[in-house]
Amino acid sequence: MPSRSQAANLPWHLQPAALVAWGFLAVVIGAYALGVDRTYLMDQGNYLDNFADAPKLEWLHRLVPADTPLAGVVVAAFSEEILWQVWASVLGVVFAPATAVLVTVCVLNLLVVLAVVRLGNPVLPLIVWILVPVGFAVTGLLQLRQGFAFAVMLYLSVRMNRPVLGTFIAAMFHTTFALALPFAVIAGLCGRRQIMALLLAVILACAAAYLGGILFEAFGGRRLATYNVNQAETNSIFYVFGGLLCSLPPLHRLLIGPAPEEAPAASRMLANLAVIQVAVIAFTAVSFFVFPLGAGRVGYLTMLLLIPILPTMRRHDSITGTVLFGLMLLYLVYLTVKTYLEGTYDIFFGG
């Protein structure tokens, strides 16, 4: 029988405790995805209407109007979220709207559960997914377009080592991922030159924040009237501080490097995701001062990208990594308590 230290060095799926913990969390996530009473949930009516109306294919007229040049069609593929419309149309034909919503919830959470299997230990990523305020309780159960886009991005990035492809496809499920796409491309083109990728992505993020109003008109302008610029998070400097705190794990990975035992392909993939996370955080921080709406619309990515980055921090052989990891765990505890008191987790206890 292997000793405790030998067992800890085994692949996670050969460690009984890790396997049981992952399976338990997967069952809990699946049970909530299937069992939550969605009758009175936020946006449920909008999704029911979407799945009912999408099979009529009226969205195709917005995608390819007669007088639109090719460039306009390319932009419309993102602004009209073409892959989400295709998904909604297919499910709307096959299922009743309520069932289509349920299928979407189950598939997006299944993608998250399966994506983290490729990480060193998938238990902590699922815990992060459950606890972060914008994770399972929000994008996993309520804001399904954002959640589905993130799940696709995470799955293609982590399981297939294709962060650029994952971000590209996610951007056609939800427009806000179009912001992350250039950062993913920069990280992919720079390859091992991660510091160069980081600098270029941050510079681009600051420029995009400065031009945020113009970009929003181009890629999301048809919804401009439905968004509330006076969202609480966009008006709080603590929102910026929280984002800057979330930048510590990806910066540690990019500046210190991966653990020696980490596979090269996984290291490159995680470095690319780290560049995307830091760039998104830079965008939200600058947007707070020049275009608050932009900070609110993409801010959820700053925490969701902790799911693959935080658990894979180099902490066992790095004092700095150990300290930062402990600090981030304390921050997650704070967020969990704050979010519970605000009522976000009420969905878990509402029957």
Protein backbone atom coordinates (compact mmCIF):
# COMPACT_ATOMS: atom_id res chain seq x y z
CA MET A 1 0.00 0.00 0.00
CA PRO A 2 1.47 3.41 -0.94
CA SER A 3 2.36 5.86 1.80
CA ARG A 4 0.48 9.15 2.21
CA SER A 5 3.24 11.10 0.42
CA GLN A 6 3.29 8.60 -2.45
CA ALA A 7 -0.50 8.73 -2.76
CA ALA A 8 -0.39 12.51 -2.98
CA ASN A 9 1.88 12.25 -6.03
CA LEU A 10 -0.46 9.89 -7.87
CA PRO A 11 -2.77 11.22 -10.61
CA TRP A 12 -5.91 12.57 -8.97
CA HIS A 13 -8.14 9.86 -10.44
CA LEU A 14 -6.02 7.23 -8.67
CA GLN A 15 -6.49 8.97 -5.31
CA PRO A 16 -9.72 7.63 -3.76
CA ALA A 17 -10.39 10.73 -1.65
CA ALA A 18 -10.01 13.11 -4.62
CA LEU A 19 -12.13 10.89 -6.87
CA VAL A 20 -14.93 10.65 -4.29
CA ALA A 21 -14.82 14.41 -3.62
CA TRP A 22 -15.00 15.24 -7.35
CA GLY A 23 -17.85 12.78 -7.86
CA PHE A 24 -19.74 14.18 -4.87
CA LEU A 25 -19.44 17.78 -6.10
CA ALA A 26 -20.47 16.72 -9.61
CA VAL A 27 -23.58 15.03 -8.19
CA VAL A 28 -24.44 18.11 -6.09
CA ILE A 29 -24.08 20.37 -9.12
CA GLY A 30 -26.19 18.03 -11.24
CA ALA A 31 -28.87 17.74 -8.56
CA TYR A 32 -29.24 21.51 -8.31
CA ALA A 33 -29.17 21.94 -12.09
CA LEU A 34 -32.05 19.46 -12.41
CA GLY A 35 -33.94 20.18 -9.21
CA VAL A 36 -34.04 23.96 -8.74
CA ASP A 37 -37.51 25.42 -9.16
CA ARG A 38 -36.95 27.82 -12.05
CA THR A 39 -40.48 29.21 -12.11
CA TYR A 40 -39.67 32.55 -10.55
CA LEU A 41 -35.97 32.82 -11.35
CA MET A 42 -34.48 35.94 -12.91
CA ASP A 43 -34.48 35.91 -16.73
CA GLN A 44 -36.41 32.63 -16.87
CA GLY A 45 -39.16 34.30 -18.92
CA ASN A 46 -36.63 35.75 -21.36
CA TYR A 47 -35.05 32.35 -21.97
CA LEU A 48 -38.44 30.70 -22.41
CA ASP A 49 -39.28 33.33 -25.03
CA ASN A 50 -35.88 32.88 -26.69
CA PHE A 51 -36.31 29.12 -27.07
CA ALA A 52 -39.88 29.60 -28.27
CA ASP A 53 -39.05 32.31 -30.83
CA ALA A 54 -35.63 31.21 -32.12
CA PRO A 55 -36.99 28.36 -34.31
CA LYS A 56 -38.86 31.00 -36.34
CA LEU A 57 -35.39 32.08 -37.60
CA GLU A 58 -36.25 35.76 -37.48
CA TRP A 59 -32.75 36.34 -36.09
CA LEU A 60 -31.39 35.45 -39.55
CA HIS A 61 -32.81 38.71 -40.91
CA ARG A 62 -30.80 40.67 -38.34
CA LEU A 63 -27.72 38.63 -39.18
CA VAL A 64 -27.83 39.10 -42.95
CA PRO A 65 -29.89 42.15 -43.94
CA ALA A 66 -29.93 42.88 -47.65
CA ASP A 67 -27.85 46.07 -47.52
CA THR A 68 -25.15 44.83 -45.11
CA PRO A 69 -21.58 44.44 -46.41
CA LEU A 70 -19.47 41.42 -45.54
CA ALA A 71 -17.76 43.21 -42.64
CA GLY A 72 -21.17 43.96 -41.16
CA VAL A 73 -22.10 40.27 -41.36
CA VAL A 74 -18.90 39.34 -39.51
CA VAL A 75 -19.67 41.83 -36.74
CA ALA A 76 -23.28 40.62 -36.64
CA ALA A 77 -22.08 37.04 -36.06
CA PHE A 78 -20.83 38.28 -32.69
CA SER A 79 -23.35 41.01 -31.89
CA GLU A 80 -26.29 38.74 -32.70
CA GLU A 81 -24.62 35.80 -30.91
CA ILE A 82 -25.15 33.48 -33.84
CA LEU A 83 -24.15 30.23 -32.12
CA TRP A 84 -26.50 30.89 -29.22
CA GLN A 85 -29.31 31.52 -31.70
CA VAL A 86 -28.47 28.28 -33.51
CA TRP A 87 -28.43 26.43 -30.17
CA ALA A 88 -31.77 27.99 -29.16
CA SER A 89 -33.29 27.19 -32.55
CA VAL A 90 -32.28 23.52 -32.45
CA LEU A 91 -33.41 23.01 -28.86
CA GLY A 92 -36.56 25.03 -29.51
CA VAL A 93 -37.52 22.62 -32.29
CA VAL A 94 -36.76 19.47 -30.31
CA PHE A 95 -37.96 20.45 -26.82
CA ALA A 96 -40.57 22.57 -25.13
CA PRO A 97 -39.06 25.89 -23.96
CA ALA A 98 -38.91 24.88 -20.28
CA THR A 99 -37.15 21.63 -21.16
CA ALA A 100 -34.75 23.46 -23.49
CA VAL A 101 -33.75 25.73 -20.59
CA LEU A 102 -33.16 22.71 -18.37
CA VAL A 103 -31.06 20.98 -21.02
CA THR A 104 -28.94 24.12 -21.41
CA VAL A 105 -28.36 24.36 -17.66
CA CYS A 106 -27.32 20.71 -17.48
CA VAL A 107 -25.02 20.86 -20.50
CA LEU A 108 -23.18 24.00 -19.39
CA ASN A 109 -22.53 22.60 -15.93
CA LEU A 110 -21.49 19.25 -17.38
CA LEU A 111 -18.95 21.05 -19.56
CA VAL A 112 -17.49 22.76 -16.49
CA VAL A 113 -17.34 19.50 -14.52
CA LEU A 114 -15.64 17.66 -17.39
CA ALA A 115 -13.29 20.54 -18.23
CA VAL A 116 -11.61 20.60 -14.82
CA VAL A 117 -10.83 16.88 -15.01
CA ARG A 118 -7.70 17.80 -16.99
CA LEU A 119 -6.35 19.94 -14.15
CA GLY A 120 -4.06 18.52 -11.47
CA ASN A 121 -6.89 18.14 -8.97
CA PRO A 122 -10.40 19.06 -10.12
CA VAL A 123 -11.93 19.31 -6.64
CA LEU A 124 -10.79 22.86 -5.86
CA PRO A 125 -11.88 24.22 -9.28
CA LEU A 126 -15.40 22.90 -8.66
CA ILE A 127 -15.40 24.43 -5.17
CA VAL A 128 -14.40 27.77 -6.72
CA TRP A 129 -17.17 27.37 -9.34
CA ILE A 130 -19.72 26.78 -6.57
CA LEU A 131 -18.57 29.55 -4.24
CA VAL A 132 -17.64 32.56 -6.38
CA PRO A 133 -20.59 34.97 -6.57
CA VAL A 134 -20.76 34.90 -10.37
CA GLY A 135 -20.18 31.14 -10.62
CA PHE A 136 -22.67 28.31 -10.24
CA ALA A 137 -25.35 30.37 -8.49
CA VAL A 138 -25.43 32.99 -11.25
CA THR A 139 -23.88 31.95 -14.57
CA GLY A 140 -24.46 28.28 -13.81
CA LEU A 141 -28.17 28.56 -13.07
CA LEU A 142 -29.49 32.00 -14.03
CA GLN A 143 -27.53 33.90 -16.71
CA LEU A 144 -27.34 31.01 -19.10
CA ARG A 145 -25.83 32.67 -22.17
CA GLN A 146 -22.85 33.90 -20.16
CA GLY A 147 -22.56 30.57 -18.40
CA PHE A 148 -22.80 28.54 -21.59
CA ALA A 149 -20.19 30.70 -23.31
CA PHE A 150 -17.80 30.38 -20.36
CA ALA A 151 -18.35 26.61 -20.15
CA VAL A 152 -17.52 26.24 -23.85
CA MET A 153 -14.41 28.41 -23.48
CA LEU A 154 -13.26 26.49 -20.39
CA TYR A 155 -13.86 23.07 -21.95
CA LEU A 156 -12.07 23.82 -25.23
CA SER A 157 -9.22 25.56 -23.41
CA VAL A 158 -8.57 23.01 -20.68
CA ARG A 159 -9.64 19.72 -22.26
CA MET A 160 -8.38 20.44 -25.79
CA ASN A 161 -5.64 23.04 -25.10
CA ARG A 162 -7.32 25.45 -27.54
CA PRO A 163 -7.92 28.73 -25.66
CA VAL A 164 -8.07 30.81 -28.86
CA LEU A 165 -10.64 28.51 -30.44
CA GLY A 166 -12.56 28.30 -27.17
CA THR A 167 -12.71 32.07 -26.80
CA PHE A 168 -13.65 32.53 -30.47
CA ILE A 169 -16.59 30.14 -30.19
CA ALA A 170 -17.62 31.56 -26.81
CA ALA A 171 -17.75 35.05 -28.35
CA MET A 172 -20.48 33.85 -30.70
CA PHE A 173 -22.47 32.53 -27.75
CA HIS A 174 -22.13 35.73 -25.73
CA THR A 175 -20.83 39.04 -27.04
CA THR A 176 -18.74 39.98 -24.01
CA PHE A 177 -16.27 37.20 -24.84
CA ALA A 178 -15.39 39.15 -27.98
CA LEU A 179 -13.34 41.35 -25.65
CA ALA A 180 -11.28 38.37 -24.49
CA LEU A 181 -10.68 37.09 -28.03
CA PRO A 182 -7.89 39.56 -29.00
CA PHE A 183 -6.14 38.82 -25.69
CA ALA A 184 -6.28 35.09 -26.45
CA VAL A 185 -4.90 35.69 -29.94
CA ILE A 186 -2.02 37.79 -28.57
CA ALA A 187 -1.18 35.12 -26.01
CA GLY A 188 -1.29 32.43 -28.68
CA LEU A 189 0.90 34.35 -31.13
CA CYS A 190 3.51 35.23 -28.50
CA GLY A 191 3.89 31.61 -27.45
CA ARG A 192 6.55 31.25 -24.76
CA ARG A 193 7.15 35.01 -24.64
CA GLN A 194 4.55 35.37 -21.91
CA ILE A 195 5.75 38.71 -20.55
CA MET A 196 5.51 40.25 -24.01
CA ALA A 197 2.02 38.79 -24.38
CA LEU A 198 1.07 40.23 -21.00
CA LEU A 199 2.31 43.72 -21.85
CA LEU A 200 0.66 43.78 -25.28
CA ALA A 201 -2.64 42.46 -23.92
CA VAL A 202 -2.73 45.01 -21.08
CA ILE A 203 -1.97 47.87 -23.50
CA LEU A 204 -4.76 46.68 -25.79
CA ALA A 205 -7.10 46.32 -22.81
CA CYS A 206 -6.49 49.91 -21.73
CA ALA A 207 -7.08 51.15 -25.29
CA ALA A 208 -10.27 49.08 -25.55
CA ALA A 209 -11.53 50.53 -22.25
CA TYR A 210 -10.89 54.05 -23.54
CA LEU A 211 -12.85 53.20 -26.70
CA GLY A 212 -15.42 51.19 -24.76
CA GLY A 213 -18.44 53.23 -25.78
CA ILE A 214 -17.66 52.89 -29.48
CA LEU A 215 -16.99 49.15 -29.20
CA PHE A 216 -20.18 48.61 -27.22
CA GLU A 217 -22.20 50.39 -29.88
CA ALA A 218 -20.65 48.12 -32.53
CA PHE A 219 -20.97 44.78 -30.75
CA GLY A 220 -23.79 45.25 -28.26
CA GLY A 221 -25.51 48.47 -29.17
CA ARG A 222 -28.94 46.99 -29.77
CA ARG A 223 -29.14 46.17 -26.05
CA LEU A 224 -27.75 49.49 -24.83
CA ALA A 225 -31.11 50.73 -23.59
CA THR A 226 -31.69 47.58 -21.51
CA TYR A 227 -28.51 47.88 -19.44
CA ASN A 228 -28.33 49.86 -16.24
CA VAL A 229 -25.18 51.96 -16.06
CA ASN A 230 -25.82 52.56 -12.37
CA GLN A 231 -25.09 48.97 -11.37
CA ALA A 232 -23.74 48.87 -7.83
CA GLU A 233 -20.52 47.11 -8.79
CA THR A 234 -19.62 49.64 -11.45
CA ASN A 235 -19.91 52.49 -8.97
CA SER A 236 -17.81 50.93 -6.19
CA ILE A 237 -14.05 51.29 -6.01
CA PHE A 238 -14.02 48.00 -4.09
CA TYR A 239 -15.06 46.34 -7.35
CA VAL A 240 -11.75 47.51 -8.84
CA PHE A 241 -9.79 46.41 -5.76
CA GLY A 242 -11.40 42.98 -5.96
CA GLY A 243 -10.42 42.66 -9.59
CA LEU A 244 -6.84 43.71 -8.84
CA LEU A 245 -6.72 41.08 -6.10
CA CYS A 246 -7.89 38.45 -8.58
CA SER A 247 -4.95 39.41 -10.81
CA LEU A 248 -2.43 38.07 -8.29
CA PRO A 249 -2.74 34.34 -9.18
CA PRO A 250 -2.37 34.84 -12.98
CA LEU A 251 0.47 37.33 -12.47
CA HIS A 252 2.23 34.85 -10.19
CA ARG A 253 1.95 32.17 -12.86
CA LEU A 254 3.26 34.46 -15.59
CA LEU A 255 6.12 35.93 -13.56
CA ILE A 256 7.24 32.91 -11.51
CA GLY A 257 6.46 30.19 -14.03
CA PRO A 258 4.71 26.81 -13.76
CA ALA A 259 5.55 23.99 -11.37
CA PRO A 260 8.30 21.66 -12.66
CA GLU A 261 5.94 18.68 -12.85
CA GLU A 262 3.34 20.52 -14.95
CA ALA A 263 3.02 19.30 -18.52
CA PRO A 264 4.30 21.82 -21.13
CA ALA A 265 1.01 21.87 -23.05
CA ALA A 266 -0.96 22.52 -19.87
CA SER A 267 1.51 25.24 -18.85
CA ARG A 268 1.09 27.08 -22.15
CA MET A 269 -2.69 26.80 -22.00
CA LEU A 270 -2.86 28.09 -18.43
CA ALA A 271 -0.43 30.90 -19.25
CA ASN A 272 -2.71 31.96 -22.12
CA LEU A 273 -5.71 31.98 -19.78
CA ALA A 274 -3.66 33.97 -17.27
CA VAL A 275 -2.90 36.61 -19.91
CA ILE A 276 -6.61 36.82 -20.75
CA GLN A 277 -7.54 37.20 -17.08
CA VAL A 278 -5.03 39.96 -16.38
CA ALA A 279 -6.05 41.82 -19.54
CA VAL A 280 -9.76 41.60 -18.65
CA ILE A 281 -8.97 42.90 -15.16
CA ALA A 282 -7.00 45.79 -16.68
CA PHE A 283 -9.99 46.55 -18.93
CA THR A 284 -12.43 46.60 -16.01
CA ALA A 285 -10.12 48.75 -13.87
CA VAL A 286 -9.71 51.38 -16.58
CA SER A 287 -13.38 51.14 -17.58
CA PHE A 288 -14.39 52.02 -14.02
CA PHE A 289 -13.07 55.52 -14.66
CA VAL A 290 -13.91 56.02 -18.36
CA PHE A 291 -16.78 53.63 -19.25
CA PRO A 292 -18.43 52.12 -16.14
CA LEU A 293 -20.87 50.01 -18.15
CA GLY A 294 -17.94 48.09 -19.65
CA ALA A 295 -16.66 47.21 -16.19
CA GLY A 296 -20.01 45.75 -15.23
CA ARG A 297 -20.54 43.76 -18.41
CA VAL A 298 -17.26 41.80 -18.47
CA GLY A 299 -16.34 41.92 -14.80
CA TYR A 300 -17.64 38.39 -14.14
CA LEU A 301 -14.73 36.99 -16.14
CA THR A 302 -12.24 38.31 -13.59
CA MET A 303 -13.52 35.77 -11.05
CA LEU A 304 -14.59 32.94 -13.35
CA LEU A 305 -11.07 32.64 -14.74
CA LEU A 306 -9.88 31.89 -11.21
CA ILE A 307 -11.43 28.43 -11.68
CA PRO A 308 -8.48 27.06 -13.72
CA ILE A 309 -5.82 29.52 -12.51
CA LEU A 310 -6.11 29.55 -8.70
CA PRO A 311 -6.01 25.76 -8.10
CA THR A 312 -2.95 25.37 -10.34
CA MET A 313 -0.87 28.04 -8.62
CA ARG A 314 2.71 27.03 -7.89
CA ARG A 315 2.47 27.03 -4.10
CA HIS A 316 4.11 23.86 -2.75
CA ASP A 317 7.65 25.00 -3.61
CA SER A 318 7.09 28.77 -3.58
CA ILE A 319 6.69 30.86 -0.42
CA THR A 320 5.17 33.68 -2.47
CA GLY A 321 2.74 31.26 -4.05
CA THR A 322 1.75 29.84 -0.66
CA VAL A 323 1.09 33.31 0.74
CA LEU A 324 -0.89 34.45 -2.29
CA PHE A 325 -2.87 31.22 -2.35
CA GLY A 326 -3.78 31.66 1.32
CA LEU A 327 -4.73 35.27 0.68
CA MET A 328 -7.01 34.28 -2.18
CA LEU A 329 -8.67 31.60 -0.05
CA LEU A 330 -9.41 34.24 2.59
CA TYR A 331 -10.81 36.48 -0.15
CA LEU A 332 -13.06 33.64 -1.34
CA VAL A 333 -14.29 33.12 2.22
CA TYR A 334 -15.06 36.84 2.45
CA LEU A 335 -16.88 36.76 -0.89
CA THR A 336 -18.86 33.70 0.15
CA VAL A 337 -20.06 35.29 3.40
CA LYS A 338 -20.82 38.61 1.68
CA THR A 339 -22.67 36.90 -1.14
CA TYR A 340 -24.67 34.78 1.28
CA LEU A 341 -25.74 37.86 3.25
CA GLU A 342 -26.76 39.59 0.01
CA GLY A 343 -29.05 36.67 -0.84
CA THR A 344 -27.34 35.42 -4.00
CA TYR A 345 -27.14 31.89 -2.59
CA ASP A 346 -30.85 31.86 -1.74
CA ILE A 347 -31.35 29.86 -4.92
CA PHE A 348 -29.67 26.93 -3.12
CA PHE A 349 -32.18 27.01 -0.26
CA GLY A 350 -35.38 28.02 -2.02
CA GLY A 351 -36.65 24.54 -2.74
